[in-house]
Amino acid sequence: QVQLVESGGGLVQPGGSLRLSCAASGDFLGINLMGWYRQAPGKQRELVASITNSDNTDYGDSVKGRFTISRDNANNTAYLQMNSLIPEDTAIYSCIVDFYGSDRLYWGKGTLVTVSS
């Protein structure tokens, strides 16, 4: 059984920064990919960022140049540094993990990010 623990969401003013983290624990062989999706009210879920075990990254177009994803392989943790936040970034951010040998993505419970003055 595996567990994903997310942290770092909250309320921030436009132009501010937040850092999300996602830590995986439990019984698994290893991690291929980690990342985040987000879903805003009334909108479809979209990819925010992902990172592979060889540090290849992918970003959604709306966050390129503002968000940076990284990971600590020794601690099975990924980080999402979010800078220059705008109100349109307001959403529930959910961590995803692709474990080796698994046939599905694992999802965190999600954390709310609110960008508002």
Protein backbone atom coordinates (compact mmCIF):
# COMPACT_ATOMS: atom_id res chain seq x y z
CA GLN A 1 0.00 0.00 0.00
CA VAL A 2 1.22 3.48 -0.82
CA GLN A 3 0.45 6.90 0.56
CA LEU A 4 0.83 10.35 -0.96
CA VAL A 5 1.08 13.28 1.42
CA GLU A 6 0.65 16.74 -0.03
CA SER A 7 1.38 20.06 1.60
CA GLY A 8 1.89 23.71 0.83
CA GLY A 9 -1.42 25.02 -0.45
CA GLY A 10 -3.13 28.13 0.83
CA LEU A 11 -4.06 31.72 0.12
CA VAL A 12 -1.62 34.05 -1.59
CA GLN A 13 -1.88 37.47 -3.18
CA PRO A 14 -1.38 37.95 -6.92
CA GLY A 15 2.30 38.06 -7.73
CA GLY A 16 3.16 35.91 -4.75
CA SER A 17 4.71 32.47 -4.46
CA LEU A 18 3.87 29.11 -2.96
CA ARG A 19 5.63 25.77 -2.88
CA LEU A 20 3.76 22.50 -2.97
CA SER A 21 5.26 19.20 -1.97
CA CYS A 22 4.20 15.60 -2.49
CA ALA A 23 5.81 12.79 -0.55
CA ALA A 24 5.28 9.14 -1.40
CA SER A 25 5.63 6.41 1.18
CA GLY A 26 4.79 2.75 1.54
CA ASP A 27 5.58 -0.41 -0.35
CA PHE A 28 6.75 0.21 -3.89
CA LEU A 29 9.64 -0.65 -6.18
CA GLY A 30 10.40 2.87 -7.28
CA ILE A 31 8.94 5.95 -8.90
CA ASN A 32 8.95 6.73 -12.58
CA LEU A 33 7.07 10.00 -12.74
CA MET A 34 5.68 12.55 -10.31
CA GLY A 35 3.66 15.65 -10.99
CA TRP A 36 0.58 17.74 -10.45
CA TYR A 37 -2.74 18.29 -12.13
CA ARG A 38 -5.11 21.06 -11.20
CA GLN A 39 -8.80 21.71 -11.55
CA ALA A 40 -10.48 25.07 -11.18
CA PRO A 41 -14.22 25.47 -10.60
CA GLY A 42 -16.11 24.95 -13.84
CA LYS A 43 -12.99 24.00 -15.77
CA GLN A 44 -11.44 20.79 -16.99
CA ARG A 45 -8.55 19.22 -15.16
CA GLU A 46 -5.21 20.14 -16.68
CA LEU A 47 -1.60 19.09 -16.33
CA VAL A 48 0.47 21.56 -14.36
CA ALA A 49 3.87 19.88 -14.41
CA SER A 50 5.54 16.50 -14.33
CA ILE A 51 9.05 15.17 -13.81
CA THR A 52 10.53 11.77 -14.60
CA ASN A 53 13.16 9.86 -12.69
CA SER A 54 15.75 11.22 -15.10
CA ASP A 55 14.58 14.79 -14.45
CA ASN A 56 12.80 15.29 -17.73
CA THR A 57 10.11 17.88 -17.12
CA ASP A 58 6.88 18.88 -18.80
CA TYR A 59 4.75 21.94 -18.08
CA GLY A 60 1.31 23.13 -18.98
CA ASP A 61 1.42 26.12 -21.31
CA SER A 62 -0.24 28.42 -18.79
CA VAL A 63 2.47 27.90 -16.16
CA LYS A 64 5.63 27.78 -18.26
CA GLY A 65 8.20 30.25 -17.02
CA ARG A 66 6.43 30.71 -13.68
CA PHE A 67 6.35 27.24 -12.12
CA THR A 68 9.26 24.87 -11.54
CA ILE A 69 9.00 21.21 -10.64
CA SER A 70 11.79 19.29 -8.93
CA ARG A 71 12.18 16.06 -7.03
CA ASP A 72 14.21 14.50 -4.25
CA ASN A 73 14.58 10.87 -5.27
CA ALA A 74 16.16 9.85 -1.98
CA ASN A 75 13.02 10.94 -0.14
CA ASN A 76 10.47 10.13 -2.86
CA THR A 77 9.30 13.72 -2.80
CA ALA A 78 8.41 16.18 -5.54
CA TYR A 79 8.17 19.94 -5.23
CA LEU A 80 6.30 22.52 -7.26
CA GLN A 81 7.60 26.05 -6.89
CA MET A 82 4.92 28.47 -8.06
CA ASN A 83 5.95 32.07 -8.68
CA SER A 84 4.18 35.09 -10.12
CA LEU A 85 0.85 33.60 -9.19
CA ILE A 86 -2.26 35.01 -10.82
CA PRO A 87 -5.94 34.56 -9.90
CA GLU A 88 -6.32 32.10 -12.78
CA ASP A 89 -4.00 29.74 -10.91
CA THR A 90 -6.67 29.26 -8.26
CA ALA A 91 -7.54 25.57 -8.24
CA ILE A 92 -7.24 22.30 -6.40
CA TYR A 93 -3.80 20.89 -7.12
CA SER A 94 -3.49 17.11 -7.01
CA CYS A 95 -0.24 15.19 -6.91
CA ILE A 96 0.20 12.22 -9.23
CA VAL A 97 2.71 9.41 -9.02
CA ASP A 98 3.54 6.65 -11.50
CA PHE A 99 5.13 3.78 -9.60
CA TYR A 100 7.24 1.15 -11.32
CA GLY A 101 5.23 -2.00 -11.89
CA SER A 102 1.90 -0.30 -11.37
CA ASP A 103 -0.80 -0.19 -14.03
CA ARG A 104 -2.31 3.11 -12.91
CA LEU A 105 -1.50 6.56 -11.63
CA TYR A 106 -1.86 7.25 -7.94
CA TRP A 107 -3.51 10.50 -6.94
CA GLY A 108 -3.16 12.61 -3.83
CA LYS A 109 -6.18 14.06 -2.08
CA GLY A 110 -5.48 17.52 -3.45
CA THR A 111 -4.65 20.85 -1.91
CA LEU A 112 -6.38 24.16 -2.52
CA VAL A 113 -4.43 27.10 -3.88
CA THR A 114 -6.24 30.42 -3.85
CA VAL A 115 -4.74 33.50 -5.47
CA SER A 116 -6.64 36.57 -4.41
CA SER A 117 -6.13 40.06 -3.05
